Amino acid sequence: MQSPNGLANSRPGIADAVPAAHITCPRLNMTSDQTPQKRFPAMCCEEPFRVFFPLGLSCGVIGLVLWPLFIWGAIPLYPGLIHARLMIEGFMGAFIIGFLGTAGPRLTSARFFSATEVGSLLALHLASTAAHLAGRLAIGDALFSATIVLLILFFGRRLASCDELPPPAFVLVGFGLVNGAAGAAMTAWATFGPS
């Protein structure tokens, strides 16, 4: 065998001794050129950012597009309040859910979210965004508050059953979530409640 510099190489490498197709992984009963492929729903349970980050980006783009549509006369309503809700509750809310749903279980050594949990958070977030786009701001705020409360409950169950304490800065995450849920609930109440 010749080396790149033209000299004879008397010691064959591992790759020369055993072809890659014959290296097996006994635990998975697979050859090295095959990798286990997870299905997308399973990946979204382990890493909810895969579905919530694109959703948040979409909310942000829609929130921005409202302004040119209003200026060109395509939509009759002033989009100021809808824009604010889409950017805060739609855009930022989706990134918060996606990040915490992915990093939270890893930081606390807790189990990943289930498909039911991710699906319920996704359904509430989509319903909240749809309500805002329809101009039903109070309903959208109430649904967003319910989404954050549900996220808190999912994390609370995991923290109660995990062996490790979360990082100390996680207290700030808890306060932020409680404030977000309370703020959205108070905004919905100000619209729905007695005047």
C-alpha atoms as a PDB file:
ATOM      1  CA  MET A   1       0.000   0.000   0.000  1.00  0.00           C
ATOM      2  CA  GLN A   2       1.319   3.434  -0.927  1.00  0.00           C
ATOM      3  CA  SER A   3       1.034   6.428   1.416  1.00  0.00           C
ATOM      4  CA  PRO A   4       0.193   9.883   0.021  1.00  0.00           C
ATOM      5  CA  ASN A   5       3.897  10.806  -0.168  1.00  0.00           C
ATOM      6  CA  GLY A   6       4.656   7.773  -2.333  1.00  0.00           C
ATOM      7  CA  LEU A   7       6.343   5.628   0.341  1.00  0.00           C
ATOM      8  CA  ALA A   8       5.216   2.112   1.020  1.00  0.00           C
ATOM      9  CA  ASN A   9       3.111   1.737   4.159  1.00  0.00           C
ATOM     10  CA  SER A  10       3.655  -1.592   5.819  1.00  0.00           C
ATOM     11  CA  ARG A  11       0.994  -1.149   8.537  1.00  0.00           C
ATOM     12  CA  PRO A  12      -2.585  -1.282   7.296  1.00  0.00           C
ATOM     13  CA  GLY A  13      -5.063   0.889   9.128  1.00  0.00           C
ATOM     14  CA  ILE A  14      -8.251  -0.258  10.833  1.00  0.00           C
ATOM     15  CA  ALA A  15     -10.304   0.923   7.874  1.00  0.00           C
ATOM     16  CA  ASP A  16      -8.243  -1.311   5.606  1.00  0.00           C
ATOM     17  CA  ALA A  17      -8.668  -4.348   7.859  1.00  0.00           C
ATOM     18  CA  VAL A  18     -12.467  -4.267   8.286  1.00  0.00           C
ATOM     19  CA  PRO A  19     -14.823  -2.732   5.719  1.00  0.00           C
ATOM     20  CA  ALA A  20     -17.300  -0.252   7.254  1.00  0.00           C
ATOM     21  CA  ALA A  21     -20.281  -2.307   6.128  1.00  0.00           C
ATOM     22  CA  HIS A  22     -19.168  -5.184   8.374  1.00  0.00           C
ATOM     23  CA  ILE A  23     -18.869  -3.184  11.601  1.00  0.00           C
ATOM     24  CA  THR A  24     -21.979  -3.890  13.617  1.00  0.00           C
ATOM     25  CA  CYS A  25     -23.554  -2.456  16.690  1.00  0.00           C
ATOM     26  CA  PRO A  26     -24.795  -5.517  18.607  1.00  0.00           C
ATOM     27  CA  ARG A  27     -27.105  -3.551  20.896  1.00  0.00           C
ATOM     28  CA  LEU A  28     -29.092  -2.123  17.995  1.00  0.00           C
ATOM     29  CA  ASN A  29     -28.360  -4.952  15.536  1.00  0.00           C
ATOM     30  CA  MET A  30     -27.334  -2.436  12.870  1.00  0.00           C
ATOM     31  CA  THR A  31     -24.352  -1.918  10.619  1.00  0.00           C
ATOM     32  CA  SER A  32     -22.305   1.281  10.880  1.00  0.00           C
ATOM     33  CA  ASP A  33     -23.758   2.781   7.714  1.00  0.00           C
ATOM     34  CA  GLN A  34     -27.264   2.695   9.218  1.00  0.00           C
ATOM     35  CA  THR A  35     -28.325   5.170  11.881  1.00  0.00           C
ATOM     36  CA  PRO A  36     -31.468   4.969  13.971  1.00  0.00           C
ATOM     37  CA  GLN A  37     -34.000   7.483  12.713  1.00  0.00           C
ATOM     38  CA  LYS A  38     -36.484   8.923  15.175  1.00  0.00           C
ATOM     39  CA  ARG A  39     -39.850   9.963  13.914  1.00  0.00           C
ATOM     40  CA  PHE A  40     -40.597  13.677  13.898  1.00  0.00           C
ATOM     41  CA  PRO A  41     -43.251  13.543  16.669  1.00  0.00           C
ATOM     42  CA  ALA A  42     -40.784  11.733  18.947  1.00  0.00           C
ATOM     43  CA  MET A  43     -38.111  14.330  18.188  1.00  0.00           C
ATOM     44  CA  CYS A  44     -40.602  17.112  18.983  1.00  0.00           C
ATOM     45  CA  CYS A  45     -41.292  15.562  22.392  1.00  0.00           C
ATOM     46  CA  GLU A  46     -37.592  15.492  23.247  1.00  0.00           C
ATOM     47  CA  GLU A  47     -36.940  18.865  21.603  1.00  0.00           C
ATOM     48  CA  PRO A  48     -40.124  20.968  21.406  1.00  0.00           C
ATOM     49  CA  PHE A  49     -38.156  23.808  19.845  1.00  0.00           C
ATOM     50  CA  ARG A  50     -38.412  21.920  16.545  1.00  0.00           C
ATOM     51  CA  VAL A  51     -42.088  22.844  16.289  1.00  0.00           C
ATOM     52  CA  PHE A  52     -42.307  25.982  18.464  1.00  0.00           C
ATOM     53  CA  PHE A  53     -39.396  27.937  16.954  1.00  0.00           C
ATOM     54  CA  PRO A  54     -40.843  27.845  13.407  1.00  0.00           C
ATOM     55  CA  LEU A  55     -44.254  28.703  14.869  1.00  0.00           C
ATOM     56  CA  GLY A  56     -42.771  31.681  16.709  1.00  0.00           C
ATOM     57  CA  LEU A  57     -40.974  32.832  13.590  1.00  0.00           C
ATOM     58  CA  SER A  58     -44.240  32.623  11.646  1.00  0.00           C
ATOM     59  CA  CYS A  59     -46.028  34.704  14.301  1.00  0.00           C
ATOM     60  CA  GLY A  60     -43.273  37.306  14.101  1.00  0.00           C
ATOM     61  CA  VAL A  61     -43.462  37.539  10.319  1.00  0.00           C
ATOM     62  CA  ILE A  62     -47.262  37.820  10.388  1.00  0.00           C
ATOM     63  CA  GLY A  63     -47.003  40.498  13.086  1.00  0.00           C
ATOM     64  CA  LEU A  64     -44.640  42.498  10.876  1.00  0.00           C
ATOM     65  CA  VAL A  65     -46.630  42.035   7.672  1.00  0.00           C
ATOM     66  CA  LEU A  66     -49.717  43.582   9.309  1.00  0.00           C
ATOM     67  CA  TRP A  67     -48.195  47.057   8.979  1.00  0.00           C
ATOM     68  CA  PRO A  68     -47.634  47.116   5.201  1.00  0.00           C
ATOM     69  CA  LEU A  69     -51.048  45.494   4.717  1.00  0.00           C
ATOM     70  CA  PHE A  70     -52.621  48.282   6.765  1.00  0.00           C
ATOM     71  CA  ILE A  71     -50.713  51.011   4.897  1.00  0.00           C
ATOM     72  CA  TRP A  72     -51.733  49.540   1.510  1.00  0.00           C
ATOM     73  CA  GLY A  73     -55.372  49.366   2.649  1.00  0.00           C
ATOM     74  CA  ALA A  74     -55.590  45.558   2.547  1.00  0.00           C
ATOM     75  CA  ILE A  75     -56.821  45.418   6.163  1.00  0.00           C
ATOM     76  CA  PRO A  76     -59.183  48.076   7.562  1.00  0.00           C
ATOM     77  CA  LEU A  77     -58.288  47.840  11.268  1.00  0.00           C
ATOM     78  CA  TYR A  78     -55.331  49.563  12.876  1.00  0.00           C
ATOM     79  CA  PRO A  79     -53.070  46.590  13.754  1.00  0.00           C
ATOM     80  CA  GLY A  80     -51.311  48.061  16.793  1.00  0.00           C
ATOM     81  CA  LEU A  81     -52.855  45.811  19.466  1.00  0.00           C
ATOM     82  CA  ILE A  82     -52.866  42.693  17.285  1.00  0.00           C
ATOM     83  CA  HIS A  83     -49.219  43.334  16.378  1.00  0.00           C
ATOM     84  CA  ALA A  84     -48.255  43.649  20.042  1.00  0.00           C
ATOM     85  CA  ARG A  85     -50.007  40.390  20.974  1.00  0.00           C
ATOM     86  CA  LEU A  86     -48.508  38.479  18.041  1.00  0.00           C
ATOM     87  CA  MET A  87     -45.007  39.675  18.873  1.00  0.00           C
ATOM     88  CA  ILE A  88     -45.179  39.106  22.637  1.00  0.00           C
ATOM     89  CA  GLU A  89     -47.519  36.161  23.071  1.00  0.00           C
ATOM     90  CA  GLY A  90     -47.095  34.589  19.630  1.00  0.00           C
ATOM     91  CA  PHE A  91     -43.437  35.169  18.765  1.00  0.00           C
ATOM     92  CA  MET A  92     -41.835  35.321  22.211  1.00  0.00           C
ATOM     93  CA  GLY A  93     -44.291  32.841  23.754  1.00  0.00           C
ATOM     94  CA  ALA A  94     -43.427  30.161  21.207  1.00  0.00           C
ATOM     95  CA  PHE A  95     -39.691  30.656  21.722  1.00  0.00           C
ATOM     96  CA  ILE A  96     -40.109  30.490  25.507  1.00  0.00           C
ATOM     97  CA  ILE A  97     -42.150  27.278  25.310  1.00  0.00           C
ATOM     98  CA  GLY A  98     -39.758  25.738  22.791  1.00  0.00           C
ATOM     99  CA  PHE A  99     -36.636  26.658  24.745  1.00  0.00           C
ATOM    100  CA  LEU A 100     -37.918  25.685  28.185  1.00  0.00           C
ATOM    101  CA  GLY A 101     -39.527  22.513  26.850  1.00  0.00           C
ATOM    102  CA  THR A 102     -36.162  21.477  25.414  1.00  0.00           C
ATOM    103  CA  ALA A 103     -33.698  22.750  28.022  1.00  0.00           C
ATOM    104  CA  GLY A 104     -35.834  22.338  31.159  1.00  0.00           C
ATOM    105  CA  PRO A 105     -35.936  18.527  31.278  1.00  0.00           C
ATOM    106  CA  ARG A 106     -32.210  18.376  30.487  1.00  0.00           C
ATOM    107  CA  LEU A 107     -31.239  20.888  33.183  1.00  0.00           C
ATOM    108  CA  THR A 108     -33.282  19.069  35.806  1.00  0.00           C
ATOM    109  CA  SER A 109     -32.572  15.502  34.587  1.00  0.00           C
ATOM    110  CA  ALA A 110     -36.333  15.000  34.284  1.00  0.00           C
ATOM    111  CA  ARG A 111     -38.252  13.056  31.675  1.00  0.00           C
ATOM    112  CA  PHE A 112     -39.023  14.645  28.322  1.00  0.00           C
ATOM    113  CA  PHE A 113     -42.446  16.038  27.484  1.00  0.00           C
ATOM    114  CA  SER A 114     -45.014  13.544  26.270  1.00  0.00           C
ATOM    115  CA  ALA A 115     -46.798  13.845  22.935  1.00  0.00           C
ATOM    116  CA  THR A 116     -49.990  14.811  24.786  1.00  0.00           C
ATOM    117  CA  GLU A 117     -48.193  17.600  26.659  1.00  0.00           C
ATOM    118  CA  VAL A 118     -46.521  19.020  23.554  1.00  0.00           C
ATOM    119  CA  GLY A 119     -49.775  18.679  21.598  1.00  0.00           C
ATOM    120  CA  SER A 120     -51.823  20.489  24.234  1.00  0.00           C
ATOM    121  CA  LEU A 121     -49.288  23.349  24.460  1.00  0.00           C
ATOM    122  CA  LEU A 122     -49.231  23.581  20.677  1.00  0.00           C
ATOM    123  CA  ALA A 123     -53.039  23.557  20.382  1.00  0.00           C
ATOM    124  CA  LEU A 124     -53.438  26.300  23.005  1.00  0.00           C
ATOM    125  CA  HIS A 125     -50.725  28.428  21.419  1.00  0.00           C
ATOM    126  CA  LEU A 126     -52.271  28.084  17.955  1.00  0.00           C
ATOM    127  CA  ALA A 127     -55.726  28.896  19.350  1.00  0.00           C
ATOM    128  CA  SER A 128     -54.348  31.968  21.113  1.00  0.00           C
ATOM    129  CA  THR A 129     -52.651  33.166  17.920  1.00  0.00           C
ATOM    130  CA  ALA A 130     -55.795  32.558  15.861  1.00  0.00           C
ATOM    131  CA  ALA A 131     -57.888  34.514  18.385  1.00  0.00           C
ATOM    132  CA  HIS A 132     -55.510  37.456  18.192  1.00  0.00           C
ATOM    133  CA  LEU A 133     -55.554  37.408  14.387  1.00  0.00           C
ATOM    134  CA  ALA A 134     -59.361  37.383  14.499  1.00  0.00           C
ATOM    135  CA  GLY A 135     -59.293  40.478  16.715  1.00  0.00           C
ATOM    136  CA  ARG A 136     -60.520  38.587  19.815  1.00  0.00           C
ATOM    137  CA  LEU A 137     -57.739  39.904  22.006  1.00  0.00           C
ATOM    138  CA  ALA A 138     -59.256  38.996  25.370  1.00  0.00           C
ATOM    139  CA  ILE A 139     -59.832  35.379  24.277  1.00  0.00           C
ATOM    140  CA  GLY A 140     -56.269  35.244  22.923  1.00  0.00           C
ATOM    141  CA  ASP A 141     -54.899  36.619  26.201  1.00  0.00           C
ATOM    142  CA  ALA A 142     -56.896  34.089  28.227  1.00  0.00           C
ATOM    143  CA  LEU A 143     -55.682  31.214  26.040  1.00  0.00           C
ATOM    144  CA  PHE A 144     -52.083  32.421  26.315  1.00  0.00           C
ATOM    145  CA  SER A 145     -52.424  32.577  30.102  1.00  0.00           C
ATOM    146  CA  ALA A 146     -53.791  29.012  30.073  1.00  0.00           C
ATOM    147  CA  THR A 147     -50.817  27.919  27.935  1.00  0.00           C
ATOM    148  CA  ILE A 148     -48.299  29.306  30.423  1.00  0.00           C
ATOM    149  CA  VAL A 149     -50.189  27.841  33.403  1.00  0.00           C
ATOM    150  CA  LEU A 150     -50.134  24.451  31.676  1.00  0.00           C
ATOM    151  CA  LEU A 151     -46.391  24.798  31.065  1.00  0.00           C
ATOM    152  CA  ILE A 152     -45.904  25.603  34.762  1.00  0.00           C
ATOM    153  CA  LEU A 153     -47.925  22.523  35.738  1.00  0.00           C
ATOM    154  CA  PHE A 154     -45.891  20.284  33.424  1.00  0.00           C
ATOM    155  CA  PHE A 155     -42.652  21.582  34.944  1.00  0.00           C
ATOM    156  CA  GLY A 156     -44.030  21.377  38.471  1.00  0.00           C
ATOM    157  CA  ARG A 157     -44.775  17.668  38.082  1.00  0.00           C
ATOM    158  CA  ARG A 158     -41.263  17.063  36.813  1.00  0.00           C
ATOM    159  CA  LEU A 159     -39.579  19.065  39.556  1.00  0.00           C
ATOM    160  CA  ALA A 160     -41.582  17.238  42.221  1.00  0.00           C
ATOM    161  CA  SER A 161     -40.416  13.857  40.954  1.00  0.00           C
ATOM    162  CA  CYS A 162     -36.803  14.575  39.945  1.00  0.00           C
ATOM    163  CA  ASP A 163     -33.832  13.789  42.186  1.00  0.00           C
ATOM    164  CA  GLU A 164     -31.743  16.828  41.287  1.00  0.00           C
ATOM    165  CA  LEU A 165     -32.542  20.430  42.089  1.00  0.00           C
ATOM    166  CA  PRO A 166     -32.674  22.763  39.107  1.00  0.00           C
ATOM    167  CA  PRO A 167     -30.003  25.449  38.774  1.00  0.00           C
ATOM    168  CA  PRO A 168     -30.548  28.360  41.202  1.00  0.00           C
ATOM    169  CA  ALA A 169     -31.362  30.744  38.346  1.00  0.00           C
ATOM    170  CA  PHE A 170     -34.400  28.584  37.551  1.00  0.00           C
ATOM    171  CA  VAL A 171     -36.264  30.521  40.257  1.00  0.00           C
ATOM    172  CA  LEU A 172     -36.222  33.502  37.889  1.00  0.00           C
ATOM    173  CA  VAL A 173     -37.721  31.332  35.149  1.00  0.00           C
ATOM    174  CA  GLY A 174     -40.551  30.416  37.509  1.00  0.00           C
ATOM    175  CA  PHE A 175     -41.191  34.057  38.406  1.00  0.00           C
ATOM    176  CA  GLY A 176     -41.160  35.008  34.732  1.00  0.00           C
ATOM    177  CA  LEU A 177     -43.692  32.324  33.831  1.00  0.00           C
ATOM    178  CA  VAL A 178     -45.996  33.257  36.721  1.00  0.00           C
ATOM    179  CA  ASN A 179     -45.789  36.947  35.774  1.00  0.00           C
ATOM    180  CA  GLY A 180     -46.514  36.165  32.112  1.00  0.00           C
ATOM    181  CA  ALA A 181     -49.554  34.069  32.980  1.00  0.00           C
ATOM    182  CA  ALA A 182     -50.826  36.630  35.510  1.00  0.00           C
ATOM    183  CA  GLY A 183     -50.291  39.561  33.134  1.00  0.00           C
ATOM    184  CA  ALA A 184     -52.163  37.911  30.282  1.00  0.00           C
ATOM    185  CA  ALA A 185     -54.974  36.858  32.643  1.00  0.00           C
ATOM    186  CA  MET A 186     -55.322  40.395  34.032  1.00  0.00           C
ATOM    187  CA  THR A 187     -55.369  41.840  30.514  1.00  0.00           C
ATOM    188  CA  ALA A 188     -58.120  39.385  29.528  1.00  0.00           C
ATOM    189  CA  TRP A 189     -60.047  40.204  32.733  1.00  0.00           C
ATOM    190  CA  ALA A 190     -59.772  43.946  32.069  1.00  0.00           C
ATOM    191  CA  THR A 191     -61.566  43.378  28.764  1.00  0.00           C
ATOM    192  CA  PHE A 192     -64.066  40.704  29.884  1.00  0.00           C
ATOM    193  CA  GLY A 193     -64.657  41.738  33.467  1.00  0.00           C
ATOM    194  CA  PRO A 194     -67.068  44.301  34.887  1.00  0.00           C
ATOM    195  CA  SER A 195     -66.293  47.922  34.083  1.00  0.00           C
END
